[in-house]
């Protein structure tokens, strides 16, 4: 499993040759370093070419959100998830 940036607001969660795009926003507040994970952005598994392989199950979504939140916790940043 790995997590890396695709662009300023998108992370790629990668596992077993597949990836899921995750929209991550900044928390409100000028001095906030926290992040907000948008659960509804976690929809489909993609293969290496970017083609949709299948939907992300609710259980997989929970695992992905936990991994992203742990990623930020390791960086010392707050992270919350919203629907």
N, C-alpha and C. Protein backbone atom coordinates (compact mmCIF):
# COMPACT_ATOMS: atom_id res chain seq x y z
N UNK A 1 0.84 -1.17 0.00
CA UNK A 1 0.00 0.00 0.00
C UNK A 1 0.89 1.23 0.00
N UNK A 2 0.50 2.21 -0.80
CA UNK A 2 1.22 3.49 -0.80
C UNK A 2 0.21 4.61 -1.05
N UNK A 3 0.61 5.80 -0.62
CA UNK A 3 -0.21 6.99 -0.82
C UNK A 3 0.70 8.07 -1.37
N UNK A 4 0.31 8.66 -2.49
CA UNK A 4 1.10 9.76 -3.03
C UNK A 4 0.19 10.78 -3.72
N UNK A 5 0.74 11.97 -3.87
CA UNK A 5 -0.01 13.07 -4.46
C UNK A 5 -0.11 12.93 -5.97
N UNK A 6 -1.30 13.22 -6.51
CA UNK A 6 -1.53 13.29 -7.95
C UNK A 6 -1.51 14.75 -8.38
N UNK A 7 -2.19 15.59 -7.61
CA UNK A 7 -2.17 17.04 -7.81
C UNK A 7 -2.42 17.70 -6.45
N UNK A 8 -2.66 18.99 -6.44
CA UNK A 8 -2.76 19.75 -5.19
C UNK A 8 -3.87 19.26 -4.26
N UNK A 9 -4.93 18.66 -4.81
CA UNK A 9 -6.06 18.25 -3.99
C UNK A 9 -6.41 16.77 -4.12
N UNK A 10 -5.55 16.00 -4.77
CA UNK A 10 -5.88 14.59 -5.00
C UNK A 10 -4.72 13.68 -4.59
N UNK A 11 -5.06 12.68 -3.79
CA UNK A 11 -4.12 11.62 -3.43
C UNK A 11 -4.49 10.36 -4.20
N UNK A 12 -3.49 9.54 -4.46
CA UNK A 12 -3.74 8.21 -5.01
C UNK A 12 -3.39 7.20 -3.93
N UNK A 13 -4.36 6.39 -3.56
CA UNK A 13 -4.15 5.27 -2.66
C UNK A 13 -3.90 4.07 -3.56
N UNK A 14 -2.73 3.42 -3.44
CA UNK A 14 -2.37 2.32 -4.32
C UNK A 14 -2.21 1.03 -3.53
N UNK A 15 -2.79 -0.03 -4.08
CA UNK A 15 -2.71 -1.33 -3.43
C UNK A 15 -2.89 -2.43 -4.47
N UNK A 16 -2.02 -3.42 -4.45
CA UNK A 16 -2.12 -4.59 -5.33
C UNK A 16 -2.28 -4.24 -6.81
N UNK A 17 -1.54 -3.24 -7.29
CA UNK A 17 -1.57 -2.87 -8.70
C UNK A 17 -2.75 -2.00 -9.10
N UNK A 18 -3.62 -1.66 -8.15
CA UNK A 18 -4.77 -0.80 -8.43
C UNK A 18 -4.63 0.49 -7.63
N UNK A 19 -5.40 1.50 -8.02
CA UNK A 19 -5.37 2.76 -7.28
C UNK A 19 -6.78 3.34 -7.17
N UNK A 20 -6.93 4.21 -6.19
CA UNK A 20 -8.17 4.94 -5.96
C UNK A 20 -7.79 6.39 -5.76
N UNK A 21 -8.51 7.30 -6.43
CA UNK A 21 -8.25 8.72 -6.25
C UNK A 21 -9.08 9.23 -5.08
N UNK A 22 -8.44 10.06 -4.24
CA UNK A 22 -9.08 10.59 -3.03
C UNK A 22 -8.94 12.10 -3.03
N UNK A 23 -10.08 12.81 -2.95
CA UNK A 23 -10.06 14.27 -2.88
C UNK A 23 -9.77 14.67 -1.45
N UNK A 24 -8.71 15.46 -1.26
CA UNK A 24 -8.31 15.95 0.05
C UNK A 24 -8.25 17.47 -0.01
N UNK A 25 -8.99 18.11 0.90
CA UNK A 25 -9.09 19.56 0.94
C UNK A 25 -8.37 20.08 2.19
N UNK A 26 -8.13 21.36 2.23
CA UNK A 26 -7.56 21.99 3.42
C UNK A 26 -8.67 22.32 4.41
N UNK A 27 -8.39 22.16 5.72
CA UNK A 27 -9.35 22.60 6.73
C UNK A 27 -9.51 24.10 6.63
N UNK A 28 -10.69 24.56 7.03
CA UNK A 28 -10.94 26.01 7.05
C UNK A 28 -10.03 26.67 8.08
N UNK A 29 -9.62 27.88 7.79
CA UNK A 29 -8.77 28.62 8.72
C UNK A 29 -7.44 28.94 8.07
N UNK A 30 -7.05 30.18 8.22
CA UNK A 30 -5.83 30.66 7.57
C UNK A 30 -4.58 29.91 8.01
N UNK A 31 -4.48 29.59 9.30
CA UNK A 31 -3.28 28.95 9.82
C UNK A 31 -3.43 27.44 9.99
N UNK A 32 -4.54 26.89 9.54
CA UNK A 32 -4.77 25.46 9.69
C UNK A 32 -3.90 24.66 8.73
N UNK A 33 -3.31 23.59 9.27
CA UNK A 33 -2.54 22.68 8.42
C UNK A 33 -3.28 21.37 8.22
N UNK A 34 -4.50 21.30 8.79
CA UNK A 34 -5.27 20.07 8.73
C UNK A 34 -5.83 19.81 7.34
N UNK A 35 -6.25 18.58 7.14
CA UNK A 35 -6.81 18.16 5.86
C UNK A 35 -8.19 17.55 6.06
N UNK A 36 -8.99 17.59 5.03
CA UNK A 36 -10.32 17.01 5.04
C UNK A 36 -10.42 16.02 3.88
N UNK A 37 -10.74 14.77 4.19
CA UNK A 37 -10.92 13.74 3.18
C UNK A 37 -12.40 13.71 2.81
N UNK A 38 -12.69 13.79 1.53
CA UNK A 38 -14.07 13.73 1.05
C UNK A 38 -14.40 12.28 0.70
N UNK A 39 -15.17 11.64 1.59
CA UNK A 39 -15.51 10.23 1.42
C UNK A 39 -16.17 9.93 0.08
N UNK A 40 -17.01 10.87 -0.38
CA UNK A 40 -17.75 10.62 -1.62
C UNK A 40 -16.86 10.63 -2.86
N UNK A 41 -15.60 11.04 -2.71
CA UNK A 41 -14.68 11.02 -3.85
C UNK A 41 -14.08 9.64 -4.09
N UNK A 42 -14.20 8.76 -3.10
CA UNK A 42 -13.60 7.42 -3.18
C UNK A 42 -14.63 6.50 -3.83
N UNK A 43 -14.51 6.33 -5.14
CA UNK A 43 -15.56 5.63 -5.89
C UNK A 43 -15.10 4.35 -6.57
N UNK A 44 -14.04 4.43 -7.37
CA UNK A 44 -13.68 3.32 -8.25
C UNK A 44 -12.21 2.94 -8.14
N UNK A 45 -11.97 1.63 -8.28
CA UNK A 45 -10.60 1.14 -8.43
C UNK A 45 -10.18 1.36 -9.87
N UNK A 46 -8.95 1.83 -10.06
CA UNK A 46 -8.40 2.07 -11.39
C UNK A 46 -7.19 1.16 -11.61
N UNK A 47 -7.01 0.69 -12.85
CA UNK A 47 -5.80 -0.06 -13.15
C UNK A 47 -4.68 0.92 -13.53
N UNK A 48 -3.54 0.38 -13.92
CA UNK A 48 -2.38 1.24 -14.22
C UNK A 48 -2.61 2.19 -15.38
N UNK A 49 -3.53 1.85 -16.27
CA UNK A 49 -3.81 2.73 -17.41
C UNK A 49 -4.88 3.78 -17.07
N UNK A 50 -5.44 3.70 -15.86
CA UNK A 50 -6.47 4.65 -15.45
C UNK A 50 -7.89 4.21 -15.77
N UNK A 51 -8.03 2.98 -16.25
CA UNK A 51 -9.36 2.45 -16.55
C UNK A 51 -10.03 1.94 -15.29
N UNK A 52 -11.33 2.15 -15.21
CA UNK A 52 -12.10 1.68 -14.04
C UNK A 52 -12.18 0.16 -14.07
N UNK A 53 -11.82 -0.44 -12.93
CA UNK A 53 -11.85 -1.89 -12.79
C UNK A 53 -13.12 -2.33 -12.05
N UNK A 54 -13.54 -1.52 -11.09
CA UNK A 54 -14.74 -1.85 -10.32
C UNK A 54 -14.93 -0.84 -9.21
N UNK A 55 -16.09 -0.90 -8.56
CA UNK A 55 -16.38 0.05 -7.49
C UNK A 55 -15.64 -0.29 -6.19
N UNK A 56 -15.43 0.72 -5.38
CA UNK A 56 -14.85 0.54 -4.05
C UNK A 56 -16.00 0.19 -3.12
N UNK A 57 -15.86 -0.89 -2.37
CA UNK A 57 -16.92 -1.29 -1.43
C UNK A 57 -16.88 -0.37 -0.20
N UNK A 58 -17.96 -0.32 0.56
CA UNK A 58 -17.95 0.49 1.78
C UNK A 58 -16.84 0.08 2.75
N UNK A 59 -16.56 -1.22 2.84
CA UNK A 59 -15.50 -1.70 3.72
C UNK A 59 -14.13 -1.23 3.23
N UNK A 60 -13.91 -1.31 1.91
CA UNK A 60 -12.65 -0.83 1.33
C UNK A 60 -12.50 0.68 1.53
N UNK A 61 -13.61 1.41 1.39
CA UNK A 61 -13.58 2.86 1.61
C UNK A 61 -13.12 3.18 3.03
N UNK A 62 -13.62 2.43 4.01
CA UNK A 62 -13.21 2.65 5.40
C UNK A 62 -11.72 2.40 5.59
N UNK A 63 -11.20 1.36 4.95
CA UNK A 63 -9.77 1.04 5.03
C UNK A 63 -8.94 2.16 4.41
N UNK A 64 -9.38 2.66 3.26
CA UNK A 64 -8.67 3.73 2.56
C UNK A 64 -8.66 5.00 3.40
N UNK A 65 -9.82 5.37 3.96
CA UNK A 65 -9.89 6.57 4.81
C UNK A 65 -8.98 6.43 6.02
N UNK A 66 -8.99 5.27 6.66
CA UNK A 66 -8.12 5.04 7.82
C UNK A 66 -6.65 5.18 7.42
N UNK A 67 -6.29 4.67 6.25
CA UNK A 67 -4.90 4.75 5.79
C UNK A 67 -4.49 6.20 5.52
N UNK A 68 -5.39 6.97 4.89
CA UNK A 68 -5.08 8.38 4.61
C UNK A 68 -4.96 9.17 5.92
N UNK A 69 -5.84 8.90 6.87
CA UNK A 69 -5.78 9.60 8.15
C UNK A 69 -4.50 9.24 8.91
N UNK A 70 -4.09 7.97 8.85
CA UNK A 70 -2.84 7.55 9.48
C UNK A 70 -1.64 8.21 8.80
N UNK A 71 -1.71 8.35 7.49
CA UNK A 71 -0.65 9.01 6.72
C UNK A 71 -0.43 10.44 7.25
N UNK A 72 -1.53 11.17 7.44
CA UNK A 72 -1.42 12.53 7.95
C UNK A 72 -1.01 12.56 9.42
N UNK A 73 -1.48 11.61 10.20
CA UNK A 73 -1.07 11.54 11.62
C UNK A 73 0.44 11.35 11.72
N UNK A 74 1.02 10.54 10.83
CA UNK A 74 2.47 10.34 10.83
C UNK A 74 3.22 11.62 10.47
N UNK A 75 2.56 12.52 9.75
CA UNK A 75 3.17 13.82 9.42
C UNK A 75 2.87 14.87 10.48
N UNK A 76 2.11 14.50 11.51
CA UNK A 76 1.76 15.45 12.56
C UNK A 76 0.67 16.42 12.16
N UNK A 77 -0.17 16.02 11.21
CA UNK A 77 -1.25 16.89 10.73
C UNK A 77 -2.61 16.27 11.10
N UNK A 78 -3.53 17.16 11.42
CA UNK A 78 -4.89 16.71 11.69
C UNK A 78 -5.57 16.35 10.38
N UNK A 79 -6.48 15.39 10.45
CA UNK A 79 -7.22 14.97 9.27
C UNK A 79 -8.59 14.49 9.71
N UNK A 80 -9.61 14.96 9.02
CA UNK A 80 -10.97 14.51 9.28
C UNK A 80 -11.57 14.04 7.96
N UNK A 81 -12.69 13.31 8.08
CA UNK A 81 -13.39 12.83 6.89
C UNK A 81 -14.81 13.36 6.90
N UNK A 82 -15.28 13.79 5.74
CA UNK A 82 -16.64 14.29 5.59
C UNK A 82 -17.33 13.51 4.48
N UNK A 83 -18.67 13.42 4.55
CA UNK A 83 -19.41 12.66 3.52
C UNK A 83 -19.25 13.15 2.13
